């Protein structure tokens, strides 16, 4: 989903979860939306993944779209390295609520 479509998407869907995803060792953030039917939409710019250099940049873009809450998800490769299945969507262990 392109950033230009984000505001319209938010207006049409009232039951969405917004995730700000970062990977261990990376200084970039991506934004993913999950709608009420469980479909995930990665935010893109001109067909490429939308990357942000700081949380402040993410906050500004999401505020422009009318979003004021999200979850920060940090993906750490530890589970994959030791052969355990990763649980990035587990709400109690890997997500931190953000309000801006």
N, C-alpha and C. Protein backbone atom coordinates (compact mmCIF):
# COMPACT_ATOMS: atom_id res chain seq x y z
N UNK A 1 0.84 -1.16 0.00
CA UNK A 1 0.00 0.00 0.00
C UNK A 1 0.89 1.24 0.00
N UNK A 2 0.61 2.14 -0.91
CA UNK A 2 1.37 3.38 -1.00
C UNK A 2 0.96 4.35 0.11
N UNK A 3 1.89 5.23 0.50
CA UNK A 3 1.59 6.19 1.56
C UNK A 3 0.43 7.09 1.20
N UNK A 4 0.26 7.40 -0.07
CA UNK A 4 -0.84 8.26 -0.49
C UNK A 4 -2.18 7.60 -0.22
N UNK A 5 -2.24 6.29 -0.19
CA UNK A 5 -3.47 5.54 0.05
C UNK A 5 -3.77 5.34 1.53
N UNK A 6 -2.80 5.63 2.38
CA UNK A 6 -2.92 5.33 3.81
C UNK A 6 -4.08 6.06 4.46
N UNK A 7 -4.24 7.35 4.21
CA UNK A 7 -5.30 8.13 4.85
C UNK A 7 -6.68 7.60 4.45
N UNK A 8 -6.87 7.26 3.19
CA UNK A 8 -8.16 6.69 2.74
C UNK A 8 -8.40 5.33 3.36
N UNK A 9 -7.36 4.52 3.47
CA UNK A 9 -7.48 3.19 4.07
C UNK A 9 -7.92 3.30 5.53
N UNK A 10 -7.31 4.22 6.26
CA UNK A 10 -7.65 4.41 7.67
C UNK A 10 -9.09 4.89 7.81
N UNK A 11 -9.53 5.74 6.90
CA UNK A 11 -10.90 6.26 6.97
C UNK A 11 -11.93 5.15 6.69
N UNK A 12 -11.59 4.19 5.83
CA UNK A 12 -12.52 3.11 5.47
C UNK A 12 -12.52 1.97 6.48
N UNK A 13 -11.44 1.75 7.17
CA UNK A 13 -11.31 0.63 8.10
C UNK A 13 -11.17 1.15 9.53
N UNK A 14 -12.07 0.73 10.39
CA UNK A 14 -11.99 1.20 11.77
C UNK A 14 -11.29 0.22 12.70
N UNK A 15 -11.07 -0.99 12.26
CA UNK A 15 -10.46 -2.01 13.10
C UNK A 15 -9.12 -2.43 12.49
N UNK A 16 -8.11 -1.56 12.63
CA UNK A 16 -6.78 -1.88 12.10
C UNK A 16 -5.77 -1.83 13.23
N UNK A 17 -4.71 -2.58 13.05
CA UNK A 17 -3.58 -2.52 13.98
C UNK A 17 -2.37 -2.04 13.18
N UNK A 18 -1.70 -1.05 13.71
CA UNK A 18 -0.53 -0.48 13.05
C UNK A 18 0.70 -0.95 13.80
N UNK A 19 1.68 -1.46 13.05
CA UNK A 19 2.93 -1.93 13.64
C UNK A 19 4.10 -1.17 13.02
N UNK A 20 4.98 -0.70 13.88
CA UNK A 20 6.23 -0.09 13.45
C UNK A 20 7.29 -1.15 13.71
N UNK A 21 7.88 -1.64 12.65
CA UNK A 21 8.78 -2.80 12.74
C UNK A 21 10.23 -2.35 12.57
N UNK A 22 11.07 -2.84 13.46
CA UNK A 22 12.50 -2.63 13.34
C UNK A 22 13.20 -3.96 13.56
N UNK A 23 14.37 -4.09 13.01
CA UNK A 23 15.15 -5.32 13.14
C UNK A 23 16.38 -5.02 13.98
N UNK A 24 16.79 -5.97 14.78
CA UNK A 24 17.97 -5.79 15.63
C UNK A 24 19.16 -5.42 14.76
N UNK A 25 19.88 -4.40 15.18
CA UNK A 25 21.06 -3.96 14.45
C UNK A 25 20.75 -3.01 13.31
N UNK A 26 19.49 -2.70 13.08
CA UNK A 26 19.11 -1.80 12.00
C UNK A 26 18.66 -0.47 12.58
N UNK A 27 18.87 0.58 11.82
CA UNK A 27 18.43 1.91 12.24
C UNK A 27 17.24 2.39 11.41
N UNK A 28 16.56 1.46 10.76
CA UNK A 28 15.42 1.80 9.93
C UNK A 28 14.15 1.19 10.50
N UNK A 29 13.03 1.83 10.18
CA UNK A 29 11.72 1.39 10.64
C UNK A 29 10.80 1.22 9.43
N UNK A 30 9.94 0.22 9.48
CA UNK A 30 8.91 0.00 8.47
C UNK A 30 7.56 0.03 9.16
N UNK A 31 6.51 0.32 8.38
CA UNK A 31 5.16 0.38 8.93
C UNK A 31 4.30 -0.68 8.25
N UNK A 32 3.60 -1.45 9.06
CA UNK A 32 2.71 -2.50 8.57
C UNK A 32 1.34 -2.30 9.21
N UNK A 33 0.28 -2.49 8.42
CA UNK A 33 -1.08 -2.43 8.93
C UNK A 33 -1.72 -3.79 8.81
N UNK A 34 -2.48 -4.17 9.80
CA UNK A 34 -3.26 -5.41 9.72
C UNK A 34 -4.73 -5.02 9.89
N UNK A 35 -5.54 -5.39 8.90
CA UNK A 35 -6.95 -5.03 8.96
C UNK A 35 -7.72 -6.07 9.78
N UNK A 36 -9.01 -5.84 9.96
CA UNK A 36 -9.84 -6.70 10.79
C UNK A 36 -9.96 -8.12 10.29
N UNK A 37 -9.67 -8.35 9.00
CA UNK A 37 -9.74 -9.70 8.44
C UNK A 37 -8.41 -10.43 8.48
N UNK A 38 -7.39 -9.80 9.09
CA UNK A 38 -6.09 -10.45 9.23
C UNK A 38 -5.15 -10.24 8.07
N UNK A 39 -5.54 -9.43 7.09
CA UNK A 39 -4.65 -9.15 5.96
C UNK A 39 -3.65 -8.09 6.36
N UNK A 40 -2.41 -8.28 5.95
CA UNK A 40 -1.33 -7.35 6.28
C UNK A 40 -0.99 -6.51 5.06
N UNK A 41 -0.72 -5.24 5.33
CA UNK A 41 -0.39 -4.29 4.27
C UNK A 41 0.89 -3.56 4.67
N UNK A 42 1.97 -3.79 3.95
CA UNK A 42 3.22 -3.09 4.20
C UNK A 42 3.16 -1.76 3.46
N UNK A 43 3.57 -0.69 4.12
CA UNK A 43 3.55 0.64 3.53
C UNK A 43 4.74 0.76 2.57
N UNK A 44 4.46 1.27 1.38
CA UNK A 44 5.50 1.42 0.35
C UNK A 44 5.53 2.85 -0.16
N UNK A 45 6.63 3.17 -0.83
CA UNK A 45 6.79 4.44 -1.55
C UNK A 45 7.32 4.12 -2.94
N UNK A 46 6.53 4.48 -3.91
CA UNK A 46 6.88 4.20 -5.32
C UNK A 46 7.21 2.73 -5.55
N UNK A 47 6.45 1.86 -4.92
CA UNK A 47 6.60 0.43 -5.11
C UNK A 47 7.69 -0.24 -4.29
N UNK A 48 8.42 0.53 -3.51
CA UNK A 48 9.50 -0.02 -2.68
C UNK A 48 9.10 0.11 -1.21
N UNK A 49 9.61 -0.75 -0.34
CA UNK A 49 9.26 -0.65 1.08
C UNK A 49 9.56 0.74 1.63
N UNK A 50 8.60 1.30 2.37
CA UNK A 50 8.79 2.60 2.98
C UNK A 50 9.65 2.49 4.22
N UNK A 51 10.83 3.08 4.20
CA UNK A 51 11.76 3.01 5.33
C UNK A 51 11.89 4.38 5.97
N UNK A 52 11.96 4.40 7.29
CA UNK A 52 12.13 5.63 8.05
C UNK A 52 13.41 5.53 8.85
N UNK A 53 14.06 6.65 9.04
CA UNK A 53 15.32 6.68 9.79
C UNK A 53 15.13 6.91 11.28
N UNK A 54 13.95 7.37 11.69
CA UNK A 54 13.72 7.62 13.11
C UNK A 54 12.25 7.42 13.45
N UNK A 55 11.96 7.21 14.71
CA UNK A 55 10.57 7.09 15.16
C UNK A 55 9.83 8.41 14.97
N UNK A 56 10.53 9.53 15.10
CA UNK A 56 9.88 10.83 14.88
C UNK A 56 9.34 10.94 13.46
N UNK A 57 10.10 10.44 12.49
CA UNK A 57 9.62 10.45 11.10
C UNK A 57 8.37 9.58 10.94
N UNK A 58 8.38 8.44 11.61
CA UNK A 58 7.21 7.55 11.57
C UNK A 58 6.01 8.25 12.18
N UNK A 59 6.20 8.86 13.34
CA UNK A 59 5.10 9.54 14.03
C UNK A 59 4.49 10.62 13.15
N UNK A 60 5.32 11.43 12.51
CA UNK A 60 4.80 12.51 11.66
C UNK A 60 3.95 11.96 10.52
N UNK A 61 4.43 10.93 9.84
CA UNK A 61 3.67 10.36 8.72
C UNK A 61 2.36 9.74 9.18
N UNK A 62 2.39 9.02 10.30
CA UNK A 62 1.18 8.38 10.78
C UNK A 62 0.17 9.42 11.28
N UNK A 63 0.64 10.48 11.92
CA UNK A 63 -0.26 11.55 12.36
C UNK A 63 -0.96 12.19 11.17
N UNK A 64 -0.23 12.39 10.08
CA UNK A 64 -0.83 12.98 8.87
C UNK A 64 -1.95 12.11 8.33
N UNK A 65 -1.84 10.81 8.56
CA UNK A 65 -2.88 9.88 8.08
C UNK A 65 -4.01 9.71 9.10
N UNK A 66 -3.90 10.37 10.26
CA UNK A 66 -4.93 10.27 11.27
C UNK A 66 -4.75 9.12 12.25
N UNK A 67 -3.54 8.58 12.31
CA UNK A 67 -3.24 7.47 13.22
C UNK A 67 -2.47 8.02 14.41
N UNK A 68 -2.87 7.64 15.62
CA UNK A 68 -2.21 8.15 16.82
C UNK A 68 -1.75 7.03 17.75
N UNK A 69 -1.94 5.79 17.33
CA UNK A 69 -1.51 4.63 18.13
C UNK A 69 -0.91 3.58 17.22
N UNK A 70 0.10 2.91 17.75
CA UNK A 70 0.74 1.83 17.00
C UNK A 70 1.46 0.93 18.00
N UNK A 71 2.00 -0.14 17.49
CA UNK A 71 2.84 -1.03 18.30
C UNK A 71 4.24 -1.03 17.70
N UNK A 72 5.23 -0.93 18.55
CA UNK A 72 6.62 -1.07 18.12
C UNK A 72 6.99 -2.54 18.25
N UNK A 73 7.44 -3.13 17.16
CA UNK A 73 7.84 -4.53 17.13
C UNK A 73 9.30 -4.60 16.74
N UNK A 74 10.13 -5.11 17.63
CA UNK A 74 11.55 -5.27 17.31
C UNK A 74 11.81 -6.74 17.06
N UNK A 75 12.23 -7.03 15.85
CA UNK A 75 12.51 -8.40 15.48
C UNK A 75 13.97 -8.71 15.77
N UNK A 76 14.18 -9.71 16.61
CA UNK A 76 15.52 -10.12 17.02
C UNK A 76 15.74 -11.54 16.51
N UNK A 77 16.83 -11.79 15.81
CA UNK A 77 17.03 -13.10 15.21
C UNK A 77 17.39 -14.21 16.20
N UNK A 78 17.38 -13.94 17.48
CA UNK A 78 17.79 -14.94 18.46
C UNK A 78 16.99 -16.23 18.34
N UNK A 79 15.66 -16.14 18.24
CA UNK A 79 14.84 -17.35 18.17
C UNK A 79 15.19 -18.20 16.95
N UNK A 80 15.35 -17.55 15.80
CA UNK A 80 15.70 -18.32 14.60
C UNK A 80 17.08 -18.97 14.73
N UNK A 81 18.00 -18.27 15.38
CA UNK A 81 19.36 -18.79 15.48
C UNK A 81 19.42 -20.04 16.34
N UNK A 82 18.56 -20.15 17.34
CA UNK A 82 18.61 -21.33 18.20
C UNK A 82 17.57 -22.37 17.80
N UNK A 83 16.90 -22.14 16.66
CA UNK A 83 15.98 -23.14 16.14
C UNK A 83 14.57 -23.07 16.69
N UNK A 84 14.24 -22.01 17.38
CA UNK A 84 12.90 -21.83 17.93
C UNK A 84 12.09 -20.97 16.97
N UNK A 85 10.80 -21.22 16.90
CA UNK A 85 9.93 -20.41 16.04
C UNK A 85 9.79 -19.01 16.64
N UNK A 86 9.90 -17.99 15.79
CA UNK A 86 9.75 -16.61 16.24
C UNK A 86 8.28 -16.27 16.43
N UNK A 87 7.98 -15.49 17.46
CA UNK A 87 6.60 -15.10 17.76
C UNK A 87 6.49 -13.58 17.77
N UNK A 88 6.65 -12.96 16.60
CA UNK A 88 6.64 -11.51 16.52
C UNK A 88 5.26 -10.90 16.76
N UNK A 89 4.21 -11.67 16.53
CA UNK A 89 2.87 -11.13 16.70
C UNK A 89 2.28 -11.45 18.06
N UNK A 90 3.05 -12.09 18.92
CA UNK A 90 2.57 -12.38 20.27
C UNK A 90 2.48 -11.07 21.04
N UNK A 91 1.28 -10.66 21.44
CA UNK A 91 1.12 -9.33 22.02
C UNK A 91 1.81 -9.11 23.36
N UNK A 92 2.13 -10.15 24.07
CA UNK A 92 2.69 -9.96 25.40
C UNK A 92 4.22 -9.95 25.43
N UNK A 93 4.85 -10.46 24.40
CA UNK A 93 6.30 -10.60 24.48
C UNK A 93 7.09 -9.73 23.53
N UNK A 94 6.52 -9.31 22.41
CA UNK A 94 7.36 -8.65 21.42
C UNK A 94 6.86 -7.29 20.97
N UNK A 95 5.78 -6.79 21.55
CA UNK A 95 5.23 -5.51 21.10
C UNK A 95 5.19 -4.51 22.24
N UNK A 96 5.47 -3.26 21.90
CA UNK A 96 5.37 -2.19 22.87
C UNK A 96 4.40 -1.14 22.32
N UNK A 97 3.37 -0.76 23.07
CA UNK A 97 2.42 0.23 22.56
C UNK A 97 3.05 1.61 22.46
N UNK A 98 2.71 2.31 21.39
CA UNK A 98 3.16 3.69 21.17
C UNK A 98 1.93 4.58 21.05
N UNK A 99 1.96 5.72 21.68
CA UNK A 99 0.90 6.72 21.54
C UNK A 99 1.58 8.03 21.23
N UNK A 100 1.14 8.70 20.15
CA UNK A 100 1.79 9.94 19.73
C UNK A 100 0.79 10.96 19.27
